[in-house]
C-alpha atoms as a PDB file:
ATOM      1  CA  UNK A   1      -0.110  -0.010   0.027  1.00  0.00           C
ATOM      2  CA  UNK A   2       1.219   3.479  -0.766  1.00  0.00           C
ATOM      3  CA  UNK A   3       0.196   6.870   0.925  1.00  0.00           C
ATOM      4  CA  UNK A   4      -0.417  10.158  -0.541  1.00  0.00           C
ATOM      5  CA  UNK A   5      -1.452  13.565   0.887  1.00  0.00           C
ATOM      6  CA  UNK A   6      -4.519  15.145  -0.799  1.00  0.00           C
ATOM      7  CA  UNK A   7      -5.824  18.778  -0.242  1.00  0.00           C
ATOM      8  CA  UNK A   8      -9.546  19.770  -0.999  1.00  0.00           C
ATOM      9  CA  UNK A   9      -8.465  23.461  -1.642  1.00  0.00           C
ATOM     10  CA  UNK A  10     -10.280  26.514  -0.227  1.00  0.00           C
ATOM     11  CA  UNK A  11     -12.118  27.140  -3.699  1.00  0.00           C
ATOM     12  CA  UNK A  12     -13.634  23.578  -3.373  1.00  0.00           C
ATOM     13  CA  UNK A  13     -14.557  24.339   0.217  1.00  0.00           C
ATOM     14  CA  UNK A  14     -16.446  27.410  -0.710  1.00  0.00           C
ATOM     15  CA  UNK A  15     -18.416  25.727  -3.460  1.00  0.00           C
ATOM     16  CA  UNK A  16     -19.599  23.195  -1.140  1.00  0.00           C
ATOM     17  CA  UNK A  17     -18.140  20.030  -2.950  1.00  0.00           C
ATOM     18  CA  UNK A  18     -16.126  18.513  -0.166  1.00  0.00           C
ATOM     19  CA  UNK A  19     -18.528  15.768  -0.145  1.00  0.00           C
ATOM     20  CA  UNK A  20     -18.576  15.202  -3.990  1.00  0.00           C
ATOM     21  CA  UNK A  21     -14.762  14.866  -3.855  1.00  0.00           C
ATOM     22  CA  UNK A  22     -14.985  12.504  -0.767  1.00  0.00           C
ATOM     23  CA  UNK A  23     -17.354  10.332  -2.689  1.00  0.00           C
ATOM     24  CA  UNK A  24     -14.928  10.331  -5.730  1.00  0.00           C
ATOM     25  CA  UNK A  25     -11.924   9.801  -3.328  1.00  0.00           C
ATOM     26  CA  UNK A  26     -13.975   6.460  -2.087  1.00  0.00           C
ATOM     27  CA  UNK A  27     -15.245   5.268  -5.520  1.00  0.00           C
ATOM     28  CA  UNK A  28     -11.655   5.383  -6.707  1.00  0.00           C
ATOM     29  CA  UNK A  29     -10.783   2.691  -3.893  1.00  0.00           C
ATOM     30  CA  UNK A  30      -8.732   4.955  -1.628  1.00  0.00           C
ATOM     31  CA  UNK A  31      -8.954   4.598   2.059  1.00  0.00           C
ATOM     32  CA  UNK A  32      -9.102   7.857   4.058  1.00  0.00           C
ATOM     33  CA  UNK A  33      -6.404   7.017   7.043  1.00  0.00           C
ATOM     34  CA  UNK A  34      -6.785  10.586   8.373  1.00  0.00           C
ATOM     35  CA  UNK A  35      -8.510  13.727   7.605  1.00  0.00           C
ATOM     36  CA  UNK A  36      -9.323  17.026   8.974  1.00  0.00           C
ATOM     37  CA  UNK A  37     -10.378  20.671   8.173  1.00  0.00           C
ATOM     38  CA  UNK A  38      -7.566  23.325   8.349  1.00  0.00           C
ATOM     39  CA  UNK A  39      -7.052  27.006   7.984  1.00  0.00           C
ATOM     40  CA  UNK A  40      -3.702  27.790   7.065  1.00  0.00           C
ATOM     41  CA  UNK A  41      -2.326  31.135   7.947  1.00  0.00           C
ATOM     42  CA  UNK A  42       0.124  32.846   5.333  1.00  0.00           C
ATOM     43  CA  UNK A  43       3.290  31.560   7.174  1.00  0.00           C
ATOM     44  CA  UNK A  44       1.848  28.048   7.227  1.00  0.00           C
ATOM     45  CA  UNK A  45       0.968  28.148   3.497  1.00  0.00           C
ATOM     46  CA  UNK A  46       4.364  29.582   2.694  1.00  0.00           C
ATOM     47  CA  UNK A  47       6.001  26.746   4.579  1.00  0.00           C
ATOM     48  CA  UNK A  48       4.131  24.082   2.916  1.00  0.00           C
ATOM     49  CA  UNK A  49       4.800  25.629  -0.498  1.00  0.00           C
ATOM     50  CA  UNK A  50       8.312  26.603  -0.117  1.00  0.00           C
ATOM     51  CA  UNK A  51       9.516  24.615  -3.018  1.00  0.00           C
ATOM     52  CA  UNK A  52       7.743  27.127  -5.226  1.00  0.00           C
ATOM     53  CA  UNK A  53       9.025  30.242  -3.295  1.00  0.00           C
ATOM     54  CA  UNK A  54      11.400  31.454  -5.950  1.00  0.00           C
ATOM     55  CA  UNK A  55       8.453  31.143  -8.707  1.00  0.00           C
ATOM     56  CA  UNK A  56       6.325  34.217  -9.574  1.00  0.00           C
ATOM     57  CA  UNK A  57       3.080  32.610  -8.599  1.00  0.00           C
ATOM     58  CA  UNK A  58       4.221  31.678  -4.909  1.00  0.00           C
ATOM     59  CA  UNK A  59       2.566  34.927  -3.282  1.00  0.00           C
ATOM     60  CA  UNK A  60      -0.833  34.225  -5.179  1.00  0.00           C
ATOM     61  CA  UNK A  61      -0.615  30.748  -4.022  1.00  0.00           C
ATOM     62  CA  UNK A  62      -0.051  31.689  -0.504  1.00  0.00           C
ATOM     63  CA  UNK A  63      -2.707  34.246  -0.490  1.00  0.00           C
ATOM     64  CA  UNK A  64      -5.227  31.601  -2.142  1.00  0.00           C
ATOM     65  CA  UNK A  65      -4.486  28.786   0.267  1.00  0.00           C
ATOM     66  CA  UNK A  66      -4.719  30.878   3.288  1.00  0.00           C
ATOM     67  CA  UNK A  67      -8.036  32.629   2.168  1.00  0.00           C
ATOM     68  CA  UNK A  68     -10.343  30.017   3.522  1.00  0.00           C
ATOM     69  CA  UNK A  69     -10.731  26.688   4.950  1.00  0.00           C
ATOM     70  CA  UNK A  70      -9.224  23.346   3.347  1.00  0.00           C
ATOM     71  CA  UNK A  71      -9.548  19.760   3.818  1.00  0.00           C
ATOM     72  CA  UNK A  72      -6.179  17.684   4.198  1.00  0.00           C
ATOM     73  CA  UNK A  73      -6.476  14.034   3.793  1.00  0.00           C
ATOM     74  CA  UNK A  74      -4.178  11.288   4.202  1.00  0.00           C
ATOM     75  CA  UNK A  75      -5.000   8.620   1.515  1.00  0.00           C
ATOM     76  CA  UNK A  76      -4.084   5.035   0.926  1.00  0.00           C
ATOM     77  CA  UNK A  77      -4.176   2.337  -1.755  1.00  0.00           C
ATOM     78  CA  UNK A  78      -2.020   0.655  -4.297  1.00  0.00           C
ATOM     79  CA  UNK A  79      -0.346   3.145  -6.619  1.00  0.00           C
ATOM     80  CA  UNK A  80      -1.832   6.030  -4.359  1.00  0.00           C
ATOM     81  CA  UNK A  81       0.297   8.803  -5.772  1.00  0.00           C
ATOM     82  CA  UNK A  82      -0.052   8.155  -9.566  1.00  0.00           C
ATOM     83  CA  UNK A  83      -3.835   7.177  -9.234  1.00  0.00           C
ATOM     84  CA  UNK A  84      -4.560  10.239  -7.186  1.00  0.00           C
ATOM     85  CA  UNK A  85      -2.896  12.558  -9.829  1.00  0.00           C
ATOM     86  CA  UNK A  86      -4.873  10.666 -12.721  1.00  0.00           C
ATOM     87  CA  UNK A  87      -8.046  11.355 -10.733  1.00  0.00           C
ATOM     88  CA  UNK A  88      -7.124  15.223 -10.034  1.00  0.00           C
ATOM     89  CA  UNK A  89      -6.134  15.870 -13.656  1.00  0.00           C
ATOM     90  CA  UNK A  90      -3.956  18.452 -15.248  1.00  0.00           C
ATOM     91  CA  UNK A  91      -2.795  21.482 -13.058  1.00  0.00           C
ATOM     92  CA  UNK A  92      -4.625  23.822 -15.644  1.00  0.00           C
ATOM     93  CA  UNK A  93      -8.589  22.857 -15.288  1.00  0.00           C
ATOM     94  CA  UNK A  94      -8.796  23.872 -19.033  1.00  0.00           C
ATOM     95  CA  UNK A  95      -6.401  21.289 -19.944  1.00  0.00           C
ATOM     96  CA  UNK A  96      -7.490  18.486 -17.662  1.00  0.00           C
ATOM     97  CA  UNK A  97      -9.181  15.357 -19.003  1.00  0.00           C
ATOM     98  CA  UNK A  98     -12.914  15.111 -18.715  1.00  0.00           C
ATOM     99  CA  UNK A  99     -14.091  13.420 -15.785  1.00  0.00           C
ATOM    100  CA  UNK A 100     -11.292  14.662 -13.774  1.00  0.00           C
ATOM    101  CA  UNK A 101     -11.779  16.716 -10.432  1.00  0.00           C
ATOM    102  CA  UNK A 102      -9.928  19.791 -11.753  1.00  0.00           C
ATOM    103  CA  UNK A 103     -11.892  19.728 -14.808  1.00  0.00           C
ATOM    104  CA  UNK A 104     -15.026  19.351 -12.749  1.00  0.00           C
ATOM    105  CA  UNK A 105     -14.554  21.609 -10.102  1.00  0.00           C
ATOM    106  CA  UNK A 106     -11.568  23.975 -10.555  1.00  0.00           C
ATOM    107  CA  UNK A 107     -11.778  27.357 -11.840  1.00  0.00           C
ATOM    108  CA  UNK A 108      -8.101  28.356 -13.189  1.00  0.00           C
ATOM    109  CA  UNK A 109      -4.581  27.044 -12.654  1.00  0.00           C
ATOM    110  CA  UNK A 110      -4.417  28.595  -9.397  1.00  0.00           C
ATOM    111  CA  UNK A 111      -7.912  27.890  -8.207  1.00  0.00           C
ATOM    112  CA  UNK A 112      -7.797  24.122  -9.256  1.00  0.00           C
ATOM    113  CA  UNK A 113      -9.840  22.450  -6.734  1.00  0.00           C
ATOM    114  CA  UNK A 114      -7.373  19.870  -5.157  1.00  0.00           C
ATOM    115  CA  UNK A 115      -3.938  18.991  -4.404  1.00  0.00           C
ATOM    116  CA  UNK A 116      -1.780  15.941  -4.222  1.00  0.00           C
ATOM    117  CA  UNK A 117       1.546  14.926  -3.684  1.00  0.00           C
ATOM    118  CA  UNK A 118       3.940  14.161  -6.889  1.00  0.00           C
ATOM    119  CA  UNK A 119       6.384  11.665  -5.636  1.00  0.00           C
ATOM    120  CA  UNK A 120       6.866   9.399  -2.524  1.00  0.00           C
ATOM    121  CA  UNK A 121       9.339  11.528  -1.120  1.00  0.00           C
ATOM    122  CA  UNK A 122       7.081  14.700  -1.711  1.00  0.00           C
ATOM    123  CA  UNK A 123       4.241  12.397   0.037  1.00  0.00           C
ATOM    124  CA  UNK A 124       6.370  11.751   3.177  1.00  0.00           C
ATOM    125  CA  UNK A 125       7.231  15.335   3.690  1.00  0.00           C
ATOM    126  CA  UNK A 126       3.600  16.801   2.977  1.00  0.00           C
ATOM    127  CA  UNK A 127       1.877  13.997   5.127  1.00  0.00           C
ATOM    128  CA  UNK A 128       4.398  14.773   8.057  1.00  0.00           C
ATOM    129  CA  UNK A 129       3.593  18.600   7.740  1.00  0.00           C
ATOM    130  CA  UNK A 130      -0.109  17.804   8.483  1.00  0.00           C
ATOM    131  CA  UNK A 131      -0.128  14.529  10.247  1.00  0.00           C
ATOM    132  CA  UNK A 132       2.377  14.161  12.789  1.00  0.00           C
END
């Protein structure tokens, strides 16, 4: 079994689609190991996304992720990281495949509904950030 971190971002929380996303998570065969609602402060969002610190979108990303509640989930299943990334779809909802979460619920490349770890090392770090 493999584990990954998923985040239902503030745009999805504001649109009241948490349940729809969780239903999809369960339908895709993930086991939700842990889950909680969080409200990231600017410093905490900046620390989580520190890998993007030198990119032009960093400040907007931090502002967005600290703009409202988010749901963090520790997910588990075989091939969890790759499968969750396929379920999420491309970062840009306009380029995401039909049926993916970002295509269905995302608004823009910045407000794209969900987050997922991109590799095992990243997953370990991100899981540790929220679930000690």
